[in-house]
């Protein structure tokens, strides 16, 4: 059975990510949850994304707040589907996270969902 990767830019994104964890658990989907900041540990994030397919993952959910570009950084190193989940935080209430996630450059497709 294939797995879902749930990555977060920060532990502070966990309350939102836990909702997805709960749904996946209810459906019996295998998953792995990791904190991988595109800013604080870019090499680790890149290595994870590059090896995700071989690791048995079929999709990556990337949760990030503020102006983080985690979903795009992950998409740059894998051909797996990446779904960006912008997290409400900071003085802009998550709008910066939404725009960072939805405005990926050509060649780095990232599906984007609503805030939280």
C-alpha atoms as a PDB file:
ATOM      1  CA  UNK A   1       0.000   0.000   0.000  1.00  0.00           C
ATOM      2  CA  UNK A   2       1.268   3.460  -0.891  1.00  0.00           C
ATOM      3  CA  UNK A   3       1.702   6.133   1.782  1.00  0.00           C
ATOM      4  CA  UNK A   4       0.902   9.812   2.174  1.00  0.00           C
ATOM      5  CA  UNK A   5       3.644  12.187   3.293  1.00  0.00           C
ATOM      6  CA  UNK A   6       2.571  15.070   5.493  1.00  0.00           C
ATOM      7  CA  UNK A   7       5.258  17.712   5.778  1.00  0.00           C
ATOM      8  CA  UNK A   8       5.116  20.941   7.732  1.00  0.00           C
ATOM      9  CA  UNK A   9       7.331  23.978   7.692  1.00  0.00           C
ATOM     10  CA  UNK A  10       7.111  24.265  11.474  1.00  0.00           C
ATOM     11  CA  UNK A  11       5.731  22.445  14.502  1.00  0.00           C
ATOM     12  CA  UNK A  12       3.283  25.343  14.820  1.00  0.00           C
ATOM     13  CA  UNK A  13       1.503  23.963  11.720  1.00  0.00           C
ATOM     14  CA  UNK A  14       0.702  20.711  13.546  1.00  0.00           C
ATOM     15  CA  UNK A  15      -2.806  21.666  14.792  1.00  0.00           C
ATOM     16  CA  UNK A  16      -3.945  22.091  11.183  1.00  0.00           C
ATOM     17  CA  UNK A  17      -2.051  19.038   9.924  1.00  0.00           C
ATOM     18  CA  UNK A  18      -3.587  16.894  12.676  1.00  0.00           C
ATOM     19  CA  UNK A  19      -6.968  17.280  10.965  1.00  0.00           C
ATOM     20  CA  UNK A  20      -5.583  15.567   7.856  1.00  0.00           C
ATOM     21  CA  UNK A  21      -3.873  12.944  10.009  1.00  0.00           C
ATOM     22  CA  UNK A  22      -7.217  12.133  11.611  1.00  0.00           C
ATOM     23  CA  UNK A  23      -9.012  11.719   8.296  1.00  0.00           C
ATOM     24  CA  UNK A  24      -6.250   9.556   6.830  1.00  0.00           C
ATOM     25  CA  UNK A  25      -6.182   7.432   9.990  1.00  0.00           C
ATOM     26  CA  UNK A  26      -9.981   6.981   9.794  1.00  0.00           C
ATOM     27  CA  UNK A  27      -9.573   5.628   6.253  1.00  0.00           C
ATOM     28  CA  UNK A  28      -6.667   3.393   7.203  1.00  0.00           C
ATOM     29  CA  UNK A  29      -4.172   5.233   5.009  1.00  0.00           C
ATOM     30  CA  UNK A  30      -0.519   4.839   5.936  1.00  0.00           C
ATOM     31  CA  UNK A  31       1.294   8.121   6.437  1.00  0.00           C
ATOM     32  CA  UNK A  32       4.422   9.735   7.706  1.00  0.00           C
ATOM     33  CA  UNK A  33       4.457  13.161   9.356  1.00  0.00           C
ATOM     34  CA  UNK A  34       7.603  15.313   9.309  1.00  0.00           C
ATOM     35  CA  UNK A  35       8.697  18.872   9.981  1.00  0.00           C
ATOM     36  CA  UNK A  36      10.800  19.982   7.012  1.00  0.00           C
ATOM     37  CA  UNK A  37      11.360  23.689   6.698  1.00  0.00           C
ATOM     38  CA  UNK A  38      12.287  24.883   3.227  1.00  0.00           C
ATOM     39  CA  UNK A  39      14.190  27.685   4.969  1.00  0.00           C
ATOM     40  CA  UNK A  40      15.757  26.060   8.031  1.00  0.00           C
ATOM     41  CA  UNK A  41      16.642  22.652   6.555  1.00  0.00           C
ATOM     42  CA  UNK A  42      16.468  22.991   2.745  1.00  0.00           C
ATOM     43  CA  UNK A  43      18.831  20.091   2.064  1.00  0.00           C
ATOM     44  CA  UNK A  44      16.811  17.700   4.236  1.00  0.00           C
ATOM     45  CA  UNK A  45      13.570  18.839   2.578  1.00  0.00           C
ATOM     46  CA  UNK A  46      15.073  18.372  -0.889  1.00  0.00           C
ATOM     47  CA  UNK A  47      16.443  14.912  -0.022  1.00  0.00           C
ATOM     48  CA  UNK A  48      13.093  13.811   1.386  1.00  0.00           C
ATOM     49  CA  UNK A  49      11.225  14.965  -1.713  1.00  0.00           C
ATOM     50  CA  UNK A  50      13.736  13.405  -4.092  1.00  0.00           C
ATOM     51  CA  UNK A  51      13.477  10.011  -2.383  1.00  0.00           C
ATOM     52  CA  UNK A  52       9.738  10.079  -1.584  1.00  0.00           C
ATOM     53  CA  UNK A  53       8.662   7.866  -4.487  1.00  0.00           C
ATOM     54  CA  UNK A  54      11.252   5.231  -3.604  1.00  0.00           C
ATOM     55  CA  UNK A  55      10.085   5.542   0.008  1.00  0.00           C
ATOM     56  CA  UNK A  56       6.619   4.323  -1.016  1.00  0.00           C
ATOM     57  CA  UNK A  57       4.806   7.667  -1.001  1.00  0.00           C
ATOM     58  CA  UNK A  58       2.184   8.506  -3.617  1.00  0.00           C
ATOM     59  CA  UNK A  59       1.365  12.097  -2.647  1.00  0.00           C
ATOM     60  CA  UNK A  60       2.828  14.820  -0.457  1.00  0.00           C
ATOM     61  CA  UNK A  61       0.714  17.229   1.595  1.00  0.00           C
ATOM     62  CA  UNK A  62       2.732  20.336   2.450  1.00  0.00           C
ATOM     63  CA  UNK A  63       1.448  22.528   5.301  1.00  0.00           C
ATOM     64  CA  UNK A  64       3.069  25.941   5.775  1.00  0.00           C
ATOM     65  CA  UNK A  65       2.199  29.325   7.213  1.00  0.00           C
ATOM     66  CA  UNK A  66       3.559  32.822   6.749  1.00  0.00           C
ATOM     67  CA  UNK A  67       5.195  33.351   3.339  1.00  0.00           C
ATOM     68  CA  UNK A  68       6.703  29.859   3.309  1.00  0.00           C
ATOM     69  CA  UNK A  69       7.201  28.178  -0.030  1.00  0.00           C
ATOM     70  CA  UNK A  70       7.419  24.613   1.263  1.00  0.00           C
ATOM     71  CA  UNK A  71       5.081  23.095  -1.321  1.00  0.00           C
ATOM     72  CA  UNK A  72       7.063  24.616  -4.194  1.00  0.00           C
ATOM     73  CA  UNK A  73      10.390  23.597  -2.701  1.00  0.00           C
ATOM     74  CA  UNK A  74       9.102  20.029  -2.360  1.00  0.00           C
ATOM     75  CA  UNK A  75       7.610  20.022  -5.892  1.00  0.00           C
ATOM     76  CA  UNK A  76      10.963  21.124  -7.314  1.00  0.00           C
ATOM     77  CA  UNK A  77      12.518  17.818  -6.225  1.00  0.00           C
ATOM     78  CA  UNK A  78       9.815  15.245  -7.025  1.00  0.00           C
ATOM     79  CA  UNK A  79       7.360  14.242  -9.713  1.00  0.00           C
ATOM     80  CA  UNK A  80       4.827  13.103  -7.106  1.00  0.00           C
ATOM     81  CA  UNK A  81       1.670  15.182  -6.712  1.00  0.00           C
ATOM     82  CA  UNK A  82       2.142  17.925  -4.122  1.00  0.00           C
ATOM     83  CA  UNK A  83      -0.833  19.539  -2.417  1.00  0.00           C
ATOM     84  CA  UNK A  84      -0.067  22.803  -0.648  1.00  0.00           C
ATOM     85  CA  UNK A  85      -2.098  23.667   2.437  1.00  0.00           C
ATOM     86  CA  UNK A  86      -1.580  27.298   3.450  1.00  0.00           C
ATOM     87  CA  UNK A  87      -1.887  27.770   7.210  1.00  0.00           C
ATOM     88  CA  UNK A  88      -3.426  30.870   8.812  1.00  0.00           C
ATOM     89  CA  UNK A  89      -0.776  32.680  10.816  1.00  0.00           C
ATOM     90  CA  UNK A  90       0.986  35.987  11.206  1.00  0.00           C
ATOM     91  CA  UNK A  91      -0.237  39.501  10.739  1.00  0.00           C
ATOM     92  CA  UNK A  92      -1.710  38.783   7.307  1.00  0.00           C
ATOM     93  CA  UNK A  93      -3.901  35.947   8.565  1.00  0.00           C
ATOM     94  CA  UNK A  94      -2.510  33.437   6.096  1.00  0.00           C
ATOM     95  CA  UNK A  95      -2.972  35.414   2.886  1.00  0.00           C
ATOM     96  CA  UNK A  96       0.819  35.448   2.441  1.00  0.00           C
ATOM     97  CA  UNK A  97       0.887  31.650   2.823  1.00  0.00           C
ATOM     98  CA  UNK A  98      -1.945  31.285   0.311  1.00  0.00           C
ATOM     99  CA  UNK A  99      -0.214  33.472  -2.277  1.00  0.00           C
ATOM    100  CA  UNK A 100       3.154  31.763  -1.739  1.00  0.00           C
ATOM    101  CA  UNK A 101       1.545  28.393  -2.326  1.00  0.00           C
ATOM    102  CA  UNK A 102      -0.673  29.217  -5.286  1.00  0.00           C
ATOM    103  CA  UNK A 103       1.873  31.324  -7.225  1.00  0.00           C
ATOM    104  CA  UNK A 104       4.335  28.597  -8.180  1.00  0.00           C
ATOM    105  CA  UNK A 105       6.448  29.246 -11.257  1.00  0.00           C
ATOM    106  CA  UNK A 106       5.847  27.340 -14.455  1.00  0.00           C
ATOM    107  CA  UNK A 107       7.081  23.758 -14.233  1.00  0.00           C
ATOM    108  CA  UNK A 108       6.450  23.324 -10.505  1.00  0.00           C
ATOM    109  CA  UNK A 109       2.801  22.282 -10.282  1.00  0.00           C
ATOM    110  CA  UNK A 110       1.313  22.484  -6.811  1.00  0.00           C
ATOM    111  CA  UNK A 111      -2.356  21.907  -6.094  1.00  0.00           C
ATOM    112  CA  UNK A 112      -3.499  24.477  -3.544  1.00  0.00           C
ATOM    113  CA  UNK A 113      -6.424  24.315  -1.146  1.00  0.00           C
ATOM    114  CA  UNK A 114      -8.057  26.968   1.010  1.00  0.00           C
ATOM    115  CA  UNK A 115      -6.485  28.280   4.202  1.00  0.00           C
ATOM    116  CA  UNK A 116      -6.236  25.658   6.951  1.00  0.00           C
END
